[in-house]
Amino acid sequence: NSISLPGFRKGKAPRKLIESEFGPEVFYDDAVNYILNQEYEK
């Protein structure tokens, strides 16, 4: 909802297009934190 791509309203841009435009690295920090929260205690 905070990412804008030409031709798409906020929140409607497909993930593949976002990753193509900005690189998959754009999601790495939050993805890593999500996994860490799931697996660290275990």
PDB file of all heavy atoms in Angstrom:
ATOM      1  N   ASN A   1       0.809  -1.226   0.000  1.00  0.00           N
ATOM      2  CA  ASN A   1       0.000   0.000   0.000  1.00  0.00           C
ATOM      3  C   ASN A   1       0.837   1.269   0.000  1.00  0.00           C
ATOM      4  O   ASN A   1       0.317   2.372  -0.205  1.00  0.00           O
ATOM      5  CB  ASN A   1      -0.936   0.021   1.209  1.00  0.00           C
ATOM      6  CG  ASN A   1      -2.038  -1.010   1.084  1.00  0.00           C
ATOM      7  OD1 ASN A   1      -2.458  -1.354  -0.019  1.00  0.00           O
ATOM      8  ND2 ASN A   1      -2.512  -1.517   2.217  1.00  0.00           N
ATOM      9  N   SER A   2       2.131   1.119   0.224  1.00  0.00           N
ATOM     10  CA  SER A   2       3.005   2.302   0.226  1.00  0.00           C
ATOM     11  C   SER A   2       3.893   2.364  -1.005  1.00  0.00           C
ATOM     12  O   SER A   2       4.760   3.237  -1.113  1.00  0.00           O
ATOM     13  CB  SER A   2       3.882   2.303   1.495  1.00  0.00           C
ATOM     14  OG  SER A   2       4.707   1.162   1.537  1.00  0.00           O
ATOM     15  N   ILE A   3       3.700   1.435  -1.938  1.00  0.00           N
ATOM     16  CA  ILE A   3       4.539   1.382  -3.149  1.00  0.00           C
ATOM     17  C   ILE A   3       3.709   1.807  -4.360  1.00  0.00           C
ATOM     18  O   ILE A   3       2.600   1.310  -4.579  1.00  0.00           O
ATOM     19  CB  ILE A   3       5.112  -0.030  -3.367  1.00  0.00           C
ATOM     20  CG1 ILE A   3       6.022  -0.409  -2.190  1.00  0.00           C
ATOM     21  CG2 ILE A   3       5.892  -0.107  -4.676  1.00  0.00           C
ATOM     22  CD1 ILE A   3       6.547  -1.828  -2.254  1.00  0.00           C
ATOM     23  N   SER A   4       4.275   2.741  -5.131  1.00  0.00           N
ATOM     24  CA  SER A   4       3.578   3.241  -6.325  1.00  0.00           C
ATOM     25  C   SER A   4       4.290   2.767  -7.594  1.00  0.00           C
ATOM     26  O   SER A   4       5.525   2.829  -7.687  1.00  0.00           O
ATOM     27  CB  SER A   4       3.535   4.777  -6.333  1.00  0.00           C
ATOM     28  OG  SER A   4       2.805   5.257  -5.233  1.00  0.00           O
ATOM     29  N   LEU A   5       3.493   2.285  -8.573  1.00  0.00           N
ATOM     30  CA  LEU A   5       4.001   1.953  -9.910  1.00  0.00           C
ATOM     31  C   LEU A   5       3.094   2.614 -10.941  1.00  0.00           C
ATOM     32  O   LEU A   5       1.869   2.655 -10.759  1.00  0.00           O
ATOM     33  CB  LEU A   5       3.997   0.441 -10.128  1.00  0.00           C
ATOM     34  CG  LEU A   5       5.153  -0.379  -9.528  1.00  0.00           C
ATOM     35  CD1 LEU A   5       4.982  -1.841  -9.906  1.00  0.00           C
ATOM     36  CD2 LEU A   5       6.497   0.122  -9.999  1.00  0.00           C
ATOM     37  N   PRO A   6       3.667   3.138 -11.975  1.00  0.00           N
ATOM     38  CA  PRO A   6       2.833   3.759 -13.016  1.00  0.00           C
ATOM     39  C   PRO A   6       1.788   2.784 -13.544  1.00  0.00           C
ATOM     40  O   PRO A   6       2.092   1.617 -13.817  1.00  0.00           O
ATOM     41  CB  PRO A   6       3.858   4.117 -14.112  1.00  0.00           C
ATOM     42  CG  PRO A   6       5.167   4.225 -13.393  1.00  0.00           C
ATOM     43  CD  PRO A   6       5.102   3.214 -12.304  1.00  0.00           C
ATOM     44  N   GLY A   7       0.561   3.263 -13.618  1.00  0.00           N
ATOM     45  CA  GLY A   7      -0.522   2.456 -14.146  1.00  0.00           C
ATOM     46  C   GLY A   7      -1.266   1.656 -13.097  1.00  0.00           C
ATOM     47  O   GLY A   7      -2.253   0.980 -13.418  1.00  0.00           O
ATOM     48  N   PHE A   8      -0.806   1.729 -11.863  1.00  0.00           N
ATOM     49  CA  PHE A   8      -1.463   0.978 -10.786  1.00  0.00           C
ATOM     50  C   PHE A   8      -1.767   1.897  -9.608  1.00  0.00           C
ATOM     51  O   PHE A   8      -0.958   2.769  -9.267  1.00  0.00           O
ATOM     52  CB  PHE A   8      -0.561  -0.166 -10.275  1.00  0.00           C
ATOM     53  CG  PHE A   8      -0.315  -1.246 -11.286  1.00  0.00           C
ATOM     54  CD1 PHE A   8       0.809  -1.188 -12.097  1.00  0.00           C
ATOM     55  CD2 PHE A   8      -1.203  -2.306 -11.431  1.00  0.00           C
ATOM     56  CE1 PHE A   8       1.056  -2.183 -13.036  1.00  0.00           C
ATOM     57  CE2 PHE A   8      -0.961  -3.306 -12.373  1.00  0.00           C
ATOM     58  CZ  PHE A   8       0.175  -3.240 -13.175  1.00  0.00           C
ATOM     59  N   ARG A   9      -2.957   1.702  -9.024  1.00  0.00           N
ATOM     60  CA  ARG A   9      -3.251   2.396  -7.791  1.00  0.00           C
ATOM     61  C   ARG A   9      -2.436   1.782  -6.670  1.00  0.00           C
ATOM     62  O   ARG A   9      -2.034   0.622  -6.748  1.00  0.00           O
ATOM     63  CB  ARG A   9      -4.750   2.295  -7.457  1.00  0.00           C
ATOM     64  CG  ARG A   9      -5.638   3.166  -8.342  1.00  0.00           C
ATOM     65  CD  ARG A   9      -7.099   3.009  -7.977  1.00  0.00           C
ATOM     66  NE  ARG A   9      -7.590   1.675  -8.300  1.00  0.00           N
ATOM     67  CZ  ARG A   9      -8.355   0.936  -7.514  1.00  0.00           C
ATOM     68  NH1 ARG A   9      -8.718   1.393  -6.322  1.00  0.00           N
ATOM     69  NH2 ARG A   9      -8.775  -0.257  -7.884  1.00  0.00           N
ATOM     70  N   LYS A  10      -2.201   2.576  -5.612  1.00  0.00           N
ATOM     71  CA  LYS A  10      -1.433   2.056  -4.475  1.00  0.00           C
ATOM     72  C   LYS A  10      -2.102   0.803  -3.918  1.00  0.00           C
ATOM     73  O   LYS A  10      -3.302   0.784  -3.700  1.00  0.00           O
ATOM     74  CB  LYS A  10      -1.317   3.108  -3.365  1.00  0.00           C
ATOM     75  CG  LYS A  10      -0.220   4.127  -3.601  1.00  0.00           C
ATOM     76  CD  LYS A  10      -0.003   5.008  -2.384  1.00  0.00           C
ATOM     77  CE  LYS A  10       1.161   5.976  -2.618  1.00  0.00           C
ATOM     78  NZ  LYS A  10       1.420   6.821  -1.434  1.00  0.00           N
ATOM     79  N   GLY A  11      -1.277  -0.201  -3.710  1.00  0.00           N
ATOM     80  CA  GLY A  11      -1.783  -1.451  -3.143  1.00  0.00           C
ATOM     81  C   GLY A  11      -2.211  -2.448  -4.199  1.00  0.00           C
ATOM     82  O   GLY A  11      -2.534  -3.592  -3.865  1.00  0.00           O
ATOM     83  N   LYS A  12      -2.219  -2.045  -5.478  1.00  0.00           N
ATOM     84  CA  LYS A  12      -2.704  -2.939  -6.536  1.00  0.00           C
ATOM     85  C   LYS A  12      -1.589  -3.468  -7.435  1.00  0.00           C
ATOM     86  O   LYS A  12      -1.824  -4.351  -8.274  1.00  0.00           O
ATOM     87  CB  LYS A  12      -3.748  -2.211  -7.407  1.00  0.00           C
ATOM     88  CG  LYS A  12      -4.997  -1.778  -6.642  1.00  0.00           C
ATOM     89  CD  LYS A  12      -5.722  -2.978  -6.042  1.00  0.00           C
ATOM     90  CE  LYS A  12      -6.993  -2.553  -5.307  1.00  0.00           C
ATOM     91  NZ  LYS A  12      -7.675  -3.726  -4.707  1.00  0.00           N
ATOM     92  N   ALA A  13      -0.373  -2.954  -7.280  1.00  0.00           N
ATOM     93  CA  ALA A  13       0.728  -3.412  -8.136  1.00  0.00           C
ATOM     94  C   ALA A  13       1.107  -4.839  -7.780  1.00  0.00           C
ATOM     95  O   ALA A  13       1.304  -5.159  -6.604  1.00  0.00           O
ATOM     96  CB  ALA A  13       1.925  -2.499  -7.966  1.00  0.00           C
ATOM     97  N   PRO A  14       1.227  -5.730  -8.766  1.00  0.00           N
ATOM     98  CA  PRO A  14       1.621  -7.127  -8.475  1.00  0.00           C
ATOM     99  C   PRO A  14       3.037  -7.188  -7.906  1.00  0.00           C
ATOM    100  O   PRO A  14       3.890  -6.361  -8.219  1.00  0.00           O
ATOM    101  CB  PRO A  14       1.557  -7.807  -9.848  1.00  0.00           C
ATOM    102  CG  PRO A  14       0.686  -6.925 -10.688  1.00  0.00           C
ATOM    103  CD  PRO A  14       0.908  -5.530 -10.199  1.00  0.00           C
ATOM    104  N   ARG A  15       3.255  -8.201  -7.115  1.00  0.00           N
ATOM    105  CA  ARG A  15       4.564  -8.345  -6.465  1.00  0.00           C
ATOM    106  C   ARG A  15       5.678  -8.505  -7.494  1.00  0.00           C
ATOM    107  O   ARG A  15       6.762  -7.924  -7.348  1.00  0.00           O
ATOM    108  CB  ARG A  15       4.517  -9.548  -5.529  1.00  0.00           C
ATOM    109  CG  ARG A  15       5.830  -9.810  -4.811  1.00  0.00           C
ATOM    110  CD  ARG A  15       5.725 -11.031  -3.910  1.00  0.00           C
ATOM    111  NE  ARG A  15       6.965 -11.769  -3.895  1.00  0.00           N
ATOM    112  CZ  ARG A  15       7.106 -12.995  -3.444  1.00  0.00           C
ATOM    113  NH1 ARG A  15       6.047 -13.641  -2.976  1.00  0.00           N
ATOM    114  NH2 ARG A  15       8.283 -13.601  -3.471  1.00  0.00           N
ATOM    115  N   LYS A  16       5.417  -9.298  -8.552  1.00  0.00           N
ATOM    116  CA  LYS A  16       6.467  -9.542  -9.552  1.00  0.00           C
ATOM    117  C   LYS A  16       6.916  -8.253 -10.217  1.00  0.00           C
ATOM    118  O   LYS A  16       8.105  -8.055 -10.496  1.00  0.00           O
ATOM    119  CB  LYS A  16       5.971 -10.536 -10.593  1.00  0.00           C
ATOM    120  CG  LYS A  16       5.905 -11.968 -10.094  1.00  0.00           C
ATOM    121  CD  LYS A  16       5.527 -12.924 -11.219  1.00  0.00           C
ATOM    122  CE  LYS A  16       5.521 -14.366 -10.717  1.00  0.00           C
ATOM    123  NZ  LYS A  16       5.145 -15.309 -11.806  1.00  0.00           N
ATOM    124  N   LEU A  17       5.954  -7.373 -10.491  1.00  0.00           N
ATOM    125  CA  LEU A  17       6.311  -6.103 -11.127  1.00  0.00           C
ATOM    126  C   LEU A  17       7.107  -5.214 -10.174  1.00  0.00           C
ATOM    127  O   LEU A  17       8.043  -4.511 -10.595  1.00  0.00           O
ATOM    128  CB  LEU A  17       5.048  -5.383 -11.591  1.00  0.00           C
ATOM    129  CG  LEU A  17       4.350  -5.972 -12.822  1.00  0.00           C
ATOM    130  CD1 LEU A  17       3.135  -5.139 -13.206  1.00  0.00           C
ATOM    131  CD2 LEU A  17       5.323  -6.042 -14.007  1.00  0.00           C
ATOM    132  N   ILE A  18       6.720  -5.224  -8.899  1.00  0.00           N
ATOM    133  CA  ILE A  18       7.462  -4.434  -7.909  1.00  0.00           C
ATOM    134  C   ILE A  18       8.900  -4.941  -7.817  1.00  0.00           C
ATOM    135  O   ILE A  18       9.853  -4.166  -7.800  1.00  0.00           O
ATOM    136  CB  ILE A  18       6.775  -4.511  -6.529  1.00  0.00           C
ATOM    137  CG1 ILE A  18       5.395  -3.851  -6.588  1.00  0.00           C
ATOM    138  CG2 ILE A  18       7.635  -3.839  -5.455  1.00  0.00           C
ATOM    139  CD1 ILE A  18       4.585  -4.016  -5.308  1.00  0.00           C
ATOM    140  N   GLU A  19       9.059  -6.283  -7.766  1.00  0.00           N
ATOM    141  CA  GLU A  19      10.405  -6.852  -7.672  1.00  0.00           C
ATOM    142  C   GLU A  19      11.200  -6.583  -8.937  1.00  0.00           C
ATOM    143  O   GLU A  19      12.420  -6.383  -8.884  1.00  0.00           O
ATOM    144  CB  GLU A  19      10.316  -8.361  -7.399  1.00  0.00           C
ATOM    145  CG  GLU A  19       9.791  -8.687  -6.007  1.00  0.00           C
ATOM    146  CD  GLU A  19       9.740 -10.192  -5.746  1.00  0.00           C
ATOM    147  OE1 GLU A  19      10.045 -10.969  -6.671  1.00  0.00           O
ATOM    148  OE2 GLU A  19       9.393 -10.582  -4.614  1.00  0.00           O
ATOM    149  N   SER A  20      10.515  -6.570 -10.075  1.00  0.00           N
ATOM    150  CA  SER A  20      11.197  -6.273 -11.339  1.00  0.00           C
ATOM    151  C   SER A  20      11.665  -4.829 -11.379  1.00  0.00           C
ATOM    152  O   SER A  20      12.743  -4.521 -11.888  1.00  0.00           O
ATOM    153  CB  SER A  20      10.240  -6.544 -12.511  1.00  0.00           C
ATOM    154  OG  SER A  20      10.840  -6.176 -13.741  1.00  0.00           O
ATOM    155  N   GLU A  21      10.852  -3.932 -10.820  1.00  0.00           N
ATOM    156  CA  GLU A  21      11.182  -2.502 -10.834  1.00  0.00           C
ATOM    157  C   GLU A  21      12.249  -2.158  -9.795  1.00  0.00           C
ATOM    158  O   GLU A  21      13.202  -1.427 -10.076  1.00  0.00           O
ATOM    159  CB  GLU A  21       9.917  -1.688 -10.557  1.00  0.00           C
ATOM    160  CG  GLU A  21      10.109  -0.178 -10.507  1.00  0.00           C
ATOM    161  CD  GLU A  21      10.381   0.412 -11.887  1.00  0.00           C
ATOM    162  OE1 GLU A  21      10.071  -0.243 -12.903  1.00  0.00           O
ATOM    163  OE2 GLU A  21      10.916   1.536 -11.939  1.00  0.00           O
ATOM    164  N   PHE A  22      12.098  -2.682  -8.580  1.00  0.00           N
ATOM    165  CA  PHE A  22      12.989  -2.277  -7.488  1.00  0.00           C
ATOM    166  C   PHE A  22      13.982  -3.364  -7.064  1.00  0.00           C
ATOM    167  O   PHE A  22      14.876  -3.106  -6.259  1.00  0.00           O
ATOM    168  CB  PHE A  22      12.157  -1.872  -6.258  1.00  0.00           C
ATOM    169  CG  PHE A  22      11.235  -0.716  -6.507  1.00  0.00           C
ATOM    170  CD1 PHE A  22       9.869  -0.929  -6.674  1.00  0.00           C
ATOM    171  CD2 PHE A  22      11.727   0.576  -6.599  1.00  0.00           C
ATOM    172  CE1 PHE A  22       9.016   0.146  -6.906  1.00  0.00           C
ATOM    173  CE2 PHE A  22      10.870   1.648  -6.827  1.00  0.00           C
ATOM    174  CZ  PHE A  22       9.506   1.436  -6.989  1.00  0.00           C
ATOM    175  N   GLY A  23      13.771  -4.575  -7.578  1.00  0.00           N
ATOM    176  CA  GLY A  23      14.593  -5.693  -7.143  1.00  0.00           C
ATOM    177  C   GLY A  23      13.947  -6.392  -5.970  1.00  0.00           C
ATOM    178  O   GLY A  23      13.271  -5.752  -5.145  1.00  0.00           O
ATOM    179  N   PRO A  24      14.130  -7.710  -5.842  1.00  0.00           N
ATOM    180  CA  PRO A  24      13.519  -8.436  -4.722  1.00  0.00           C
ATOM    181  C   PRO A  24      14.038  -7.967  -3.364  1.00  0.00           C
ATOM    182  O   PRO A  24      13.397  -8.194  -2.341  1.00  0.00           O
ATOM    183  CB  PRO A  24      13.913  -9.895  -4.993  1.00  0.00           C
ATOM    184  CG  PRO A  24      15.118  -9.821  -5.874  1.00  0.00           C
ATOM    185  CD  PRO A  24      14.936  -8.598  -6.711  1.00  0.00           C
ATOM    186  N   GLU A  25      15.193  -7.278  -3.405  1.00  0.00           N
ATOM    187  CA  GLU A  25      15.773  -6.796  -2.146  1.00  0.00           C
ATOM    188  C   GLU A  25      14.848  -5.856  -1.397  1.00  0.00           C
ATOM    189  O   GLU A  25      14.995  -5.669  -0.172  1.00  0.00           O
ATOM    190  CB  GLU A  25      17.100  -6.093  -2.393  1.00  0.00           C
ATOM    191  CG  GLU A  25      18.201  -6.973  -2.962  1.00  0.00           C
ATOM    192  CD  GLU A  25      18.092  -7.122  -4.476  1.00  0.00           C
ATOM    193  OE1 GLU A  25      17.168  -6.501  -5.079  1.00  0.00           O
ATOM    194  OE2 GLU A  25      18.898  -7.867  -5.057  1.00  0.00           O
ATOM    195  N   VAL A  26      13.883  -5.266  -2.092  1.00  0.00           N
ATOM    196  CA  VAL A  26      12.973  -4.328  -1.459  1.00  0.00           C
ATOM    197  C   VAL A  26      12.172  -4.985  -0.326  1.00  0.00           C
ATOM    198  O   VAL A  26      11.722  -4.320   0.610  1.00  0.00           O
ATOM    199  CB  VAL A  26      12.010  -3.705  -2.506  1.00  0.00           C
ATOM    200  CG1 VAL A  26      10.997  -4.718  -3.013  1.00  0.00           C
ATOM    201  CG2 VAL A  26      11.303  -2.479  -1.945  1.00  0.00           C
ATOM    202  N   PHE A  27      12.013  -6.315  -0.404  1.00  0.00           N
ATOM    203  CA  PHE A  27      11.236  -7.037   0.604  1.00  0.00           C
ATOM    204  C   PHE A  27      12.109  -7.830   1.584  1.00  0.00           C
ATOM    205  O   PHE A  27      11.580  -8.461   2.506  1.00  0.00           O
ATOM    206  CB  PHE A  27      10.261  -8.011  -0.076  1.00  0.00           C
ATOM    207  CG  PHE A  27       9.208  -7.327  -0.913  1.00  0.00           C
ATOM    208  CD1 PHE A  27       8.986  -7.712  -2.223  1.00  0.00           C
ATOM    209  CD2 PHE A  27       8.436  -6.298  -0.376  1.00  0.00           C
ATOM    210  CE1 PHE A  27       8.013  -7.096  -2.989  1.00  0.00           C
ATOM    211  CE2 PHE A  27       7.466  -5.671  -1.136  1.00  0.00           C
ATOM    212  CZ  PHE A  27       7.255  -6.061  -2.450  1.00  0.00           C
ATOM    213  N   TYR A  28      13.424  -7.827   1.388  1.00  0.00           N
ATOM    214  CA  TYR A  28      14.287  -8.703   2.170  1.00  0.00           C
ATOM    215  C   TYR A  28      14.231  -8.422   3.683  1.00  0.00           C
ATOM    216  O   TYR A  28      14.133  -9.344   4.495  1.00  0.00           O
ATOM    217  CB  TYR A  28      15.735  -8.610   1.692  1.00  0.00           C
ATOM    218  CG  TYR A  28      16.043  -9.455   0.469  1.00  0.00           C
ATOM    219  CD1 TYR A  28      17.300  -9.435  -0.114  1.00  0.00           C
ATOM    220  CD2 TYR A  28      15.069 -10.273  -0.098  1.00  0.00           C
ATOM    221  CE1 TYR A  28      17.585 -10.205  -1.239  1.00  0.00           C
ATOM    222  CE2 TYR A  28      15.342 -11.033  -1.223  1.00  0.00           C
ATOM    223  CZ  TYR A  28      16.601 -10.999  -1.787  1.00  0.00           C
ATOM    224  OH  TYR A  28      16.880 -11.758  -2.885  1.00  0.00           O
ATOM    225  N   ASP A  29      14.308  -7.150   4.075  1.00  0.00           N
ATOM    226  CA  ASP A  29      14.362  -6.832   5.503  1.00  0.00           C
ATOM    227  C   ASP A  29      13.144  -7.365   6.246  1.00  0.00           C
ATOM    228  O   ASP A  29      13.263  -8.027   7.287  1.00  0.00           O
ATOM    229  CB  ASP A  29      14.474  -5.319   5.716  1.00  0.00           C
ATOM    230  CG  ASP A  29      15.881  -4.807   5.462  1.00  0.00           C
ATOM    231  OD1 ASP A  29      16.799  -5.646   5.346  1.00  0.00           O
ATOM    232  OD2 ASP A  29      16.062  -3.576   5.390  1.00  0.00           O
ATOM    233  N   ASP A  30      11.962  -7.069   5.715  1.00  0.00           N
ATOM    234  CA  ASP A  30      10.739  -7.520   6.384  1.00  0.00           C
ATOM    235  C   ASP A  30      10.579  -9.036   6.302  1.00  0.00           C
ATOM    236  O   ASP A  30      10.073  -9.664   7.241  1.00  0.00           O
ATOM    237  CB  ASP A  30       9.514  -6.836   5.783  1.00  0.00           C
ATOM    238  CG  ASP A  30       9.382  -5.389   6.234  1.00  0.00           C
ATOM    239  OD1 ASP A  30       9.720  -5.104   7.396  1.00  0.00           O
ATOM    240  OD2 ASP A  30       8.964  -4.552   5.421  1.00  0.00           O
ATOM    241  N   ALA A  31      11.020  -9.631   5.191  1.00  0.00           N
ATOM    242  CA  ALA A  31      10.935 -11.084   5.052  1.00  0.00           C
ATOM    243  C   ALA A  31      11.834 -11.777   6.071  1.00  0.00           C
ATOM    244  O   ALA A  31      11.440 -12.747   6.728  1.00  0.00           O
ATOM    245  CB  ALA A  31      11.317 -11.505   3.639  1.00  0.00           C
ATOM    246  N   VAL A  32      13.054 -11.248   6.215  1.00  0.00           N
ATOM    247  CA  VAL A  32      14.013 -11.818   7.168  1.00  0.00           C
ATOM    248  C   VAL A  32      13.481 -11.692   8.600  1.00  0.00           C
ATOM    249  O   VAL A  32      13.568 -12.633   9.400  1.00  0.00           O
ATOM    250  CB  VAL A  32      15.385 -11.135   7.023  1.00  0.00           C
ATOM    251  CG1 VAL A  32      16.257 -11.400   8.235  1.00  0.00           C
ATOM    252  CG2 VAL A  32      16.085 -11.622   5.752  1.00  0.00           C
ATOM    253  N   ASN A  33      12.923 -10.525   8.935  1.00  0.00           N
ATOM    254  CA  ASN A  33      12.373 -10.328  10.288  1.00  0.00           C
ATOM    255  C   ASN A  33      11.203 -11.258  10.549  1.00  0.00           C
ATOM    256  O   ASN A  33      11.042 -11.778  11.667  1.00  0.00           O
ATOM    257  CB  ASN A  33      11.925  -8.869  10.466  1.00  0.00           C
ATOM    258  CG  ASN A  33      13.089  -7.929  10.639  1.00  0.00           C
ATOM    259  OD1 ASN A  33      14.152  -8.328  11.116  1.00  0.00           O
ATOM    260  ND2 ASN A  33      12.911  -6.682  10.251  1.00  0.00           N
ATOM    261  N   TYR A  34      10.393 -11.489   9.528  1.00  0.00           N
ATOM    262  CA  TYR A  34       9.254 -12.402   9.667  1.00  0.00           C
ATOM    263  C   TYR A  34       9.737 -13.815   9.978  1.00  0.00           C
ATOM    264  O   TYR A  34       9.244 -14.474  10.900  1.00  0.00           O
ATOM    265  CB  TYR A  34       8.438 -12.402   8.367  1.00  0.00           C
ATOM    266  CG  TYR A  34       7.335 -13.434   8.340  1.00  0.00           C
ATOM    267  CD1 TYR A  34       6.106 -13.183   8.949  1.00  0.00           C
ATOM    268  CD2 TYR A  34       7.534 -14.666   7.704  1.00  0.00           C
ATOM    269  CE1 TYR A  34       5.095 -14.135   8.933  1.00  0.00           C
ATOM    270  CE2 TYR A  34       6.521 -15.623   7.686  1.00  0.00           C
ATOM    271  CZ  TYR A  34       5.306 -15.354   8.296  1.00  0.00           C
ATOM    272  OH  TYR A  34       4.314 -16.292   8.288  1.00  0.00           O
ATOM    273  N   ILE A  35      10.724 -14.288   9.212  1.00  0.00           N
ATOM    274  CA  ILE A  35      11.255 -15.640   9.427  1.00  0.00           C
ATOM    275  C   ILE A  35      11.904 -15.743  10.802  1.00  0.00           C
ATOM    276  O   ILE A  35      11.737 -16.732  11.521  1.00  0.00           O
ATOM    277  CB  ILE A  35      12.275 -16.004   8.327  1.00  0.00           C
ATOM    278  CG1 ILE A  35      11.595 -16.003   6.956  1.00  0.00           C
ATOM    279  CG2 ILE A  35      12.903 -17.367   8.605  1.00  0.00           C
ATOM    280  CD1 ILE A  35      12.564 -16.081   5.795  1.00  0.00           C
ATOM    281  N   LEU A  36      12.646 -14.700  11.164  1.00  0.00           N
ATOM    282  CA  LEU A  36      13.330 -14.699  12.459  1.00  0.00           C
ATOM    283  C   LEU A  36      12.325 -14.817  13.603  1.00  0.00           C
ATOM    284  O   LEU A  36      12.525 -15.577  14.558  1.00  0.00           O
ATOM    285  CB  LEU A  36      14.161 -13.424  12.612  1.00  0.00           C
ATOM    286  CG  LEU A  36      15.135 -13.387  13.783  1.00  0.00           C
ATOM    287  CD1 LEU A  36      16.233 -14.420  13.605  1.00  0.00           C
ATOM    288  CD2 LEU A  36      15.734 -12.002  13.937  1.00  0.00           C
ATOM    289  N   ASN A  37      11.224 -14.054  13.511  1.00  0.00           N
ATOM    290  CA  ASN A  37      10.188 -14.121  14.549  1.00  0.00           C
ATOM    291  C   ASN A  37       9.560 -15.510  14.637  1.00  0.00           C
ATOM    292  O   ASN A  37       9.151 -15.949  15.710  1.00  0.00           O
ATOM    293  CB  ASN A  37       9.097 -13.083  14.281  1.00  0.00           C
ATOM    294  CG  ASN A  37       9.559 -11.667  14.552  1.00  0.00           C
ATOM    295  OD1 ASN A  37      10.471 -11.460  15.347  1.00  0.00           O
ATOM    296  ND2 ASN A  37       8.958 -10.695  13.893  1.00  0.00           N
ATOM    297  N   GLN A  38       9.497 -16.197  13.493  1.00  0.00           N
ATOM    298  CA  GLN A  38       8.893 -17.521  13.460  1.00  0.00           C
ATOM    299  C   GLN A  38       9.837 -18.603  14.000  1.00  0.00           C
ATOM    300  O   GLN A  38       9.403 -19.559  14.640  1.00  0.00           O
ATOM    301  CB  GLN A  38       8.510 -17.886  12.005  1.00  0.00           C
ATOM    302  CG  GLN A  38       7.475 -16.982  11.366  1.00  0.00           C
ATOM    303  CD  GLN A  38       6.103 -17.136  11.978  1.00  0.00           C
ATOM    304  OE1 GLN A  38       5.643 -18.245  12.191  1.00  0.00           O
ATOM    305  NE2 GLN A  38       5.437 -16.035  12.276  1.00  0.00           N
ATOM    306  N   GLU A  39      11.130 -18.436  13.759  1.00  0.00           N
ATOM    307  CA  GLU A  39      12.067 -19.535  13.983  1.00  0.00           C
ATOM    308  C   GLU A  39      13.085 -19.337  15.106  1.00  0.00           C
ATOM    309  O   GLU A  39      13.706 -20.310  15.546  1.00  0.00           O
ATOM    310  CB  GLU A  39      12.834 -19.817  12.672  1.00  0.00           C
ATOM    311  CG  GLU A  39      11.953 -20.123  11.476  1.00  0.00           C
ATOM    312  CD  GLU A  39      11.102 -21.376  11.697  1.00  0.00           C
ATOM    313  OE1 GLU A  39      11.514 -22.251  12.489  1.00  0.00           O
ATOM    314  OE2 GLU A  39      10.019 -21.481  11.088  1.00  0.00           O
ATOM    315  N   TYR A  40      13.269 -18.105  15.567  1.00  0.00           N
ATOM    316  CA  TYR A  40      14.349 -17.841  16.531  1.00  0.00           C
ATOM    317  C   TYR A  40      14.171 -18.637  17.820  1.00  0.00           C
ATOM    318  O   TYR A  40      15.100 -19.328  18.279  1.00  0.00           O
ATOM    319  CB  TYR A  40      14.408 -16.338  16.835  1.00  0.00           C
ATOM    320  CG  TYR A  40      15.375 -15.978  17.941  1.00  0.00           C
ATOM    321  CD1 TYR A  40      16.744 -16.033  17.751  1.00  0.00           C
ATOM    322  CD2 TYR A  40      14.898 -15.585  19.200  1.00  0.00           C
ATOM    323  CE1 TYR A  40      17.632 -15.711  18.774  1.00  0.00           C
ATOM    324  CE2 TYR A  40      15.771 -15.267  20.227  1.00  0.00           C
ATOM    325  CZ  TYR A  40      17.129 -15.329  20.011  1.00  0.00           C
ATOM    326  OH  TYR A  40      18.000 -15.017  21.022  1.00  0.00           O
ATOM    327  N   GLU A  41      12.994 -18.562  18.448  1.00  0.00           N
ATOM    328  CA  GLU A  41      12.763 -19.253  19.716  1.00  0.00           C
ATOM    329  C   GLU A  41      12.923 -20.763  19.560  1.00  0.00           C
ATOM    330  O   GLU A  41      13.480 -21.439  20.438  1.00  0.00           O
ATOM    331  CB  GLU A  41      11.368 -18.924  20.262  1.00  0.00           C
ATOM    332  CG  GLU A  41      11.187 -17.490  20.722  1.00  0.00           C
ATOM    333  CD  GLU A  41      12.041 -17.138  21.935  1.00  0.00           C
ATOM    334  OE1 GLU A  41      12.422 -18.064  22.687  1.00  0.00           O
ATOM    335  OE2 GLU A  41      12.328 -15.946  22.123  1.00  0.00           O
ATOM    336  N   LYS A  42      12.425 -21.303  18.430  1.00  0.00           N
ATOM    337  CA  LYS A  42      12.570 -22.736  18.191  1.00  0.00           C
ATOM    338  C   LYS A  42      14.040 -23.124  18.091  1.00  0.00           C
ATOM    339  O   LYS A  42      14.457 -24.176  18.603  1.00  0.00           O
ATOM    340  CB  LYS A  42      11.857 -23.129  16.886  1.00  0.00           C
ATOM    341  CG  LYS A  42      10.367 -22.882  16.859  1.00  0.00           C
ATOM    342  CD  LYS A  42       9.819 -23.249  15.481  1.00  0.00           C
ATOM    343  CE  LYS A  42       8.367 -22.805  15.332  1.00  0.00           C
ATOM    344  NZ  LYS A  42       7.876 -23.059  13.951  1.00  0.00           N
TER     345      LYS A  42
END
